[in-house]
Amino acid sequence: VTGLTASITPTATSSKVLILVSLEGVGKHSSADRGGYRLTYGGSELQVFSQSAGDNNSTSTNFFGSSENCVYLHSPNSTSSLTYTVEGKRFNSSGALRTNCNNGYSTINLIEILA
């Protein structure tokens, strides 16, 4: 996933950030096994939310069209700008993991929740 990043600046240190991720058009090329996605903040992993993205139990066929979602509540204890990123990777050395195939549209939404 390239470019699936969002930022927010909380108004209070007691605020929480609700993170909603929706990945559409997830798939893999035939030589790939499957892939996974994770939500990161400042380069640190917050949540792994898929370990089998694009998996159709076959490395002999292409598969595109699944979706992956994540809902995460973060307590950053900060009023600085916060940046969240979704990262994806394939689990074997060949093929490719794809997102936004077949006109898929992926989003990341950040909502501040005041304490």
Protein backbone atom coordinates (compact mmCIF):
# COMPACT_ATOMS: atom_id res chain seq x y z
CA VAL A 1 0.00 0.00 0.00
CA THR A 2 1.55 3.28 -1.05
CA GLY A 3 0.27 6.57 0.26
CA LEU A 4 -2.40 5.36 2.69
CA THR A 5 -1.53 7.84 5.42
CA ALA A 6 -3.55 10.29 7.51
CA SER A 7 -2.71 12.85 10.18
CA ILE A 8 -4.61 14.45 13.04
CA THR A 9 -3.75 16.93 15.80
CA PRO A 10 -5.68 16.18 19.01
CA THR A 11 -6.97 19.16 21.00
CA ALA A 12 -6.26 17.58 24.41
CA THR A 13 -3.75 15.07 25.77
CA SER A 14 -6.65 13.04 27.15
CA SER A 15 -8.17 12.61 23.67
CA LYS A 16 -8.27 9.26 21.95
CA VAL A 17 -8.06 8.70 18.19
CA LEU A 18 -10.46 6.26 16.54
CA ILE A 19 -8.83 4.86 13.39
CA LEU A 20 -11.00 3.29 10.69
CA VAL A 21 -9.25 1.55 7.78
CA SER A 22 -10.98 0.05 4.78
CA LEU A 23 -8.91 -1.63 2.05
CA GLU A 24 -10.72 -2.58 -1.15
CA GLY A 25 -9.65 -4.47 -4.23
CA VAL A 26 -7.09 -6.53 -2.28
CA GLY A 27 -5.50 -9.35 -4.23
CA LYS A 28 -2.37 -11.16 -5.34
CA HIS A 29 -0.67 -12.38 -8.47
CA SER A 30 -0.51 -16.13 -9.06
CA SER A 31 3.05 -16.65 -7.85
CA ALA A 32 2.36 -14.93 -4.52
CA ASP A 33 1.11 -16.89 -1.54
CA ARG A 34 -0.75 -14.16 0.39
CA GLY A 35 0.01 -10.93 2.19
CA GLY A 36 -0.67 -8.96 5.31
CA TYR A 37 -1.41 -5.42 6.45
CA ARG A 38 -0.60 -3.47 9.57
CA LEU A 39 -1.41 -0.08 11.05
CA THR A 40 1.60 1.97 12.18
CA TYR A 41 2.12 5.20 14.12
CA GLY A 42 5.51 6.92 14.08
CA GLY A 43 7.04 3.82 12.53
CA SER A 44 5.82 1.55 15.32
CA GLU A 45 3.28 -1.20 14.78
CA LEU A 46 -0.09 -0.60 16.44
CA GLN A 47 -2.14 -3.42 14.96
CA VAL A 48 -1.70 -6.28 12.49
CA PHE A 49 -5.12 -6.64 10.90
CA SER A 50 -4.63 -9.19 8.19
CA GLN A 51 -2.41 -12.23 7.84
CA SER A 52 -4.13 -13.73 4.80
CA ALA A 53 -4.93 -10.85 2.45
CA GLY A 54 -5.71 -12.04 -1.06
CA ASP A 55 -5.54 -15.70 -0.06
CA ASN A 56 -7.54 -18.06 -2.27
CA ASN A 57 -5.70 -21.23 -1.20
CA SER A 58 -3.77 -21.33 -4.46
CA THR A 59 -0.47 -20.04 -5.79
CA SER A 60 -1.47 -20.99 -9.33
CA THR A 61 -4.18 -18.39 -9.89
CA ASN A 62 -4.52 -14.62 -9.69
CA PHE A 63 -7.05 -13.38 -7.16
CA PHE A 64 -8.33 -9.82 -6.77
CA GLY A 65 -11.35 -8.37 -5.06
CA SER A 66 -11.29 -9.10 -1.35
CA SER A 67 -11.44 -6.42 1.33
CA GLU A 68 -9.68 -5.92 4.66
CA ASN A 69 -10.77 -3.66 7.53
CA CYS A 70 -9.37 -2.40 10.81
CA VAL A 71 -10.87 -0.44 13.71
CA TYR A 72 -8.40 0.70 16.36
CA LEU A 73 -8.67 3.08 19.33
CA HIS A 74 -5.35 4.81 20.09
CA SER A 75 -4.51 6.76 23.26
CA PRO A 76 -1.53 8.88 22.13
CA ASN A 77 -1.42 11.27 25.12
CA SER A 78 -0.36 14.09 22.81
CA THR A 79 -1.47 17.37 21.24
CA SER A 80 1.15 17.14 18.50
CA SER A 81 0.39 16.15 14.93
CA LEU A 82 0.00 12.35 14.70
CA THR A 83 0.52 10.40 11.48
CA TYR A 84 -0.91 6.93 10.91
CA THR A 85 0.07 4.68 8.00
CA VAL A 86 -1.13 1.37 6.58
CA GLU A 87 1.64 -0.92 5.34
CA GLY A 88 1.32 -4.12 3.35
CA LYS A 89 3.70 -6.93 2.44
CA ARG A 90 3.66 -10.28 0.71
CA PHE A 91 4.73 -13.36 2.65
CA ASN A 92 6.86 -15.03 -0.01
CA SER A 93 9.60 -13.76 -2.31
CA SER A 94 7.68 -13.73 -5.58
CA GLY A 95 4.51 -12.25 -7.00
CA ALA A 96 2.83 -9.13 -5.71
CA LEU A 97 0.23 -8.08 -3.19
CA ARG A 98 -2.12 -5.46 -4.65
CA THR A 99 -4.60 -2.99 -3.23
CA ASN A 100 -7.25 -0.92 -5.06
CA CYS A 101 -7.60 -3.45 -7.91
CA ASN A 102 -10.81 -3.60 -9.95
CA ASN A 103 -11.67 0.03 -9.12
CA GLY A 104 -11.24 -0.57 -5.39
CA TYR A 105 -11.00 2.54 -3.20
CA SER A 106 -9.20 2.35 0.15
CA THR A 107 -9.56 4.81 3.01
CA ILE A 108 -8.17 5.69 6.42
CA ASN A 109 -10.32 7.92 8.65
CA LEU A 110 -9.25 9.47 11.94
CA ILE A 111 -11.78 10.69 14.53
CA GLU A 112 -10.81 12.49 17.72
CA ILE A 113 -12.75 11.35 20.78
CA LEU A 114 -12.60 13.87 23.62
CA ALA A 115 -12.30 12.41 27.11
